Protein backbone atom coordinates (compact mmCIF):
# COMPACT_ATOMS: atom_id res chain seq x y z
CA UNK A 1 49.36 -42.91 -45.18
CA UNK A 2 47.57 -39.67 -46.07
CA UNK A 3 43.94 -39.15 -45.37
CA UNK A 4 41.25 -36.44 -45.73
CA UNK A 5 37.60 -36.13 -44.54
CA UNK A 6 35.26 -35.30 -47.47
CA UNK A 7 31.70 -34.07 -47.40
CA UNK A 8 30.47 -37.31 -48.94
CA UNK A 9 28.56 -40.63 -48.21
CA UNK A 10 30.22 -43.91 -48.80
CA UNK A 11 28.72 -47.40 -49.05
CA UNK A 12 30.25 -50.71 -50.05
CA UNK A 13 29.17 -53.87 -51.81
CA UNK A 14 31.47 -57.01 -51.33
CA UNK A 15 34.12 -54.94 -50.13
CA UNK A 16 34.01 -52.48 -53.10
CA UNK A 17 33.49 -48.99 -51.94
CA UNK A 18 31.31 -46.16 -53.59
CA UNK A 19 32.02 -42.46 -52.64
CA UNK A 20 28.89 -40.36 -53.14
CA UNK A 21 29.87 -36.65 -53.79
CA UNK A 22 27.50 -33.68 -53.89
CA UNK A 23 26.43 -30.50 -52.20
CA UNK A 24 24.27 -30.55 -49.31
CA UNK A 25 20.61 -31.49 -50.52
CA UNK A 26 21.96 -33.27 -53.63
CA UNK A 27 20.78 -36.45 -52.64
CA UNK A 28 23.89 -38.42 -51.23
CA UNK A 29 21.95 -40.01 -48.34
CA UNK A 30 19.00 -40.79 -50.65
CA UNK A 31 21.24 -42.64 -52.99
CA UNK A 32 23.15 -44.46 -50.28
CA UNK A 33 19.56 -45.63 -48.73
CA UNK A 34 18.57 -46.89 -52.25
CA UNK A 35 21.79 -48.94 -52.43
CA UNK A 36 21.45 -50.27 -48.93
CA UNK A 37 18.02 -51.56 -49.79
CA UNK A 38 19.91 -53.36 -52.76
CA UNK A 39 22.26 -54.96 -50.14
CA UNK A 40 24.97 -52.30 -49.77
CA UNK A 41 26.33 -51.60 -46.28
CA UNK A 42 26.82 -48.11 -44.95
CA UNK A 43 30.46 -46.94 -44.38
CA UNK A 44 29.58 -43.30 -43.32
CA UNK A 45 26.87 -40.70 -43.97
CA UNK A 46 27.73 -36.97 -44.70
CA UNK A 47 31.42 -37.32 -43.87
CA UNK A 48 33.79 -39.88 -45.23
CA UNK A 49 37.47 -40.45 -44.35
CA UNK A 50 39.24 -41.21 -47.53
CA UNK A 51 42.85 -42.83 -46.80
CA UNK A 52 45.54 -43.45 -49.39
CA UNK A 53 47.26 -46.60 -48.81
CA UNK A 54 50.06 -47.11 -51.19
CA UNK A 55 48.25 -47.05 -54.58
CA UNK A 56 44.79 -47.65 -53.34
CA UNK A 57 42.15 -45.47 -51.69
CA UNK A 58 40.28 -46.76 -48.66
CA UNK A 59 36.75 -45.30 -47.53
CA UNK A 60 36.05 -45.17 -43.67
CA UNK A 61 33.89 -43.74 -41.00
CA UNK A 62 35.31 -40.81 -39.16
CA UNK A 63 35.94 -41.73 -35.48
CA UNK A 64 33.53 -38.96 -34.19
CA UNK A 65 30.54 -39.86 -36.67
CA UNK A 66 27.60 -41.85 -35.15
CA UNK A 67 26.03 -44.75 -36.89
CA UNK A 68 23.25 -42.98 -38.40
CA UNK A 69 21.88 -42.03 -41.93
CA UNK A 70 19.59 -39.06 -42.74
CA UNK A 71 16.37 -39.88 -44.57
CA UNK A 72 15.16 -36.44 -45.50
CA UNK A 73 11.54 -36.01 -44.27
CA UNK A 74 11.74 -39.00 -42.10
CA UNK A 75 14.48 -38.18 -39.79
CA UNK A 76 17.82 -39.76 -38.66
CA UNK A 77 17.83 -43.57 -38.84
CA UNK A 78 20.20 -45.96 -36.94
CA UNK A 79 22.43 -47.87 -39.20
CA UNK A 80 24.98 -50.65 -38.74
CA UNK A 81 28.26 -49.42 -40.28
CA UNK A 82 30.47 -51.77 -42.18
CA UNK A 83 34.12 -51.74 -42.29
CA UNK A 84 36.36 -49.53 -44.41
CA UNK A 85 36.23 -50.61 -48.18
CA UNK A 86 38.63 -50.05 -50.99
CA UNK A 87 37.35 -47.42 -53.36
CA UNK A 88 35.73 -48.75 -56.67
CA UNK A 89 33.78 -45.95 -57.88
CA UNK A 90 33.12 -42.28 -57.27
CA UNK A 91 29.50 -40.89 -58.02
CA UNK A 92 29.31 -36.94 -58.42
CA UNK A 93 25.87 -36.06 -57.89
CA UNK A 94 26.47 -32.40 -58.74
CA UNK A 95 27.16 -33.26 -62.34
CA UNK A 96 24.30 -34.52 -64.57
CA UNK A 97 25.42 -37.20 -67.23
CA UNK A 98 23.94 -36.11 -70.49
CA UNK A 99 25.42 -38.58 -72.87
CA UNK A 100 23.68 -41.89 -73.50
CA UNK A 101 26.88 -43.76 -73.69
CA UNK A 102 29.41 -41.57 -71.81
CA UNK A 103 33.28 -41.88 -72.06
CA UNK A 104 35.07 -43.23 -69.03
CA UNK A 105 35.48 -40.30 -66.45
CA UNK A 106 38.05 -40.03 -63.76
CA UNK A 107 38.69 -37.94 -60.59
CA UNK A 108 41.88 -37.45 -58.74
CA UNK A 109 41.67 -38.07 -54.87
CA UNK A 110 44.85 -37.80 -52.93
CA UNK A 111 46.87 -38.04 -56.11
CA UNK A 112 45.17 -41.32 -57.30
CA UNK A 113 42.80 -41.70 -60.14
CA UNK A 114 39.59 -43.24 -59.48
CA UNK A 115 36.55 -44.01 -61.77
CA UNK A 116 33.88 -41.46 -61.84
CA UNK A 117 30.29 -41.63 -62.70
CA UNK A 118 28.06 -38.47 -62.97
CA UNK A 119 24.46 -38.41 -61.65
CA UNK A 120 21.79 -40.14 -63.88
CA UNK A 121 18.39 -39.02 -63.52
CA UNK A 122 16.53 -42.34 -63.72
CA UNK A 123 15.14 -45.07 -61.72
CA UNK A 124 17.82 -47.51 -62.92
CA UNK A 125 20.60 -45.57 -61.42
CA UNK A 126 21.09 -47.28 -58.19
CA UNK A 127 20.77 -50.89 -60.10
CA UNK A 128 23.40 -49.69 -62.68
CA UNK A 129 25.76 -48.84 -59.76
CA UNK A 130 25.24 -52.39 -58.32
CA UNK A 131 25.80 -53.98 -61.64
CA UNK A 132 28.84 -51.81 -62.19
CA UNK A 133 30.42 -53.25 -59.02
CA UNK A 134 29.32 -56.83 -59.73
CA UNK A 135 30.55 -56.89 -63.39
CA UNK A 136 32.56 -53.86 -64.34
CA UNK A 137 32.03 -51.55 -67.33
CA UNK A 138 32.75 -52.65 -70.81
CA UNK A 139 33.77 -49.34 -72.46
């Protein structure tokens, strides 16, 4: 097994993990809070351990990280962390999606390709992520 700790936030829905990447202040915790309001569980906020197990990537909470999530302008909120989850989607908040119907994108982490979604500026974005995990993507 190979692992790496990334400056990222991770959530899961029905054991499917979403890794949220972005620079400080890009909205990683804010998106995680929106997804948590839709039923996602928090794996880790701000630092996430990504572990390669065979041909899969798993998202977990580093041992030293407290069970908290930052709500900018509100403070640190207590959170009940959920167990590690298999990576299903990576969201990159540093890259704005400009295409209405973008081609599939991928990112390589620890030598494994994973589905990648760039940031979408729209109220529907958290809902689209939820539906992506529930039903997948057509094209």
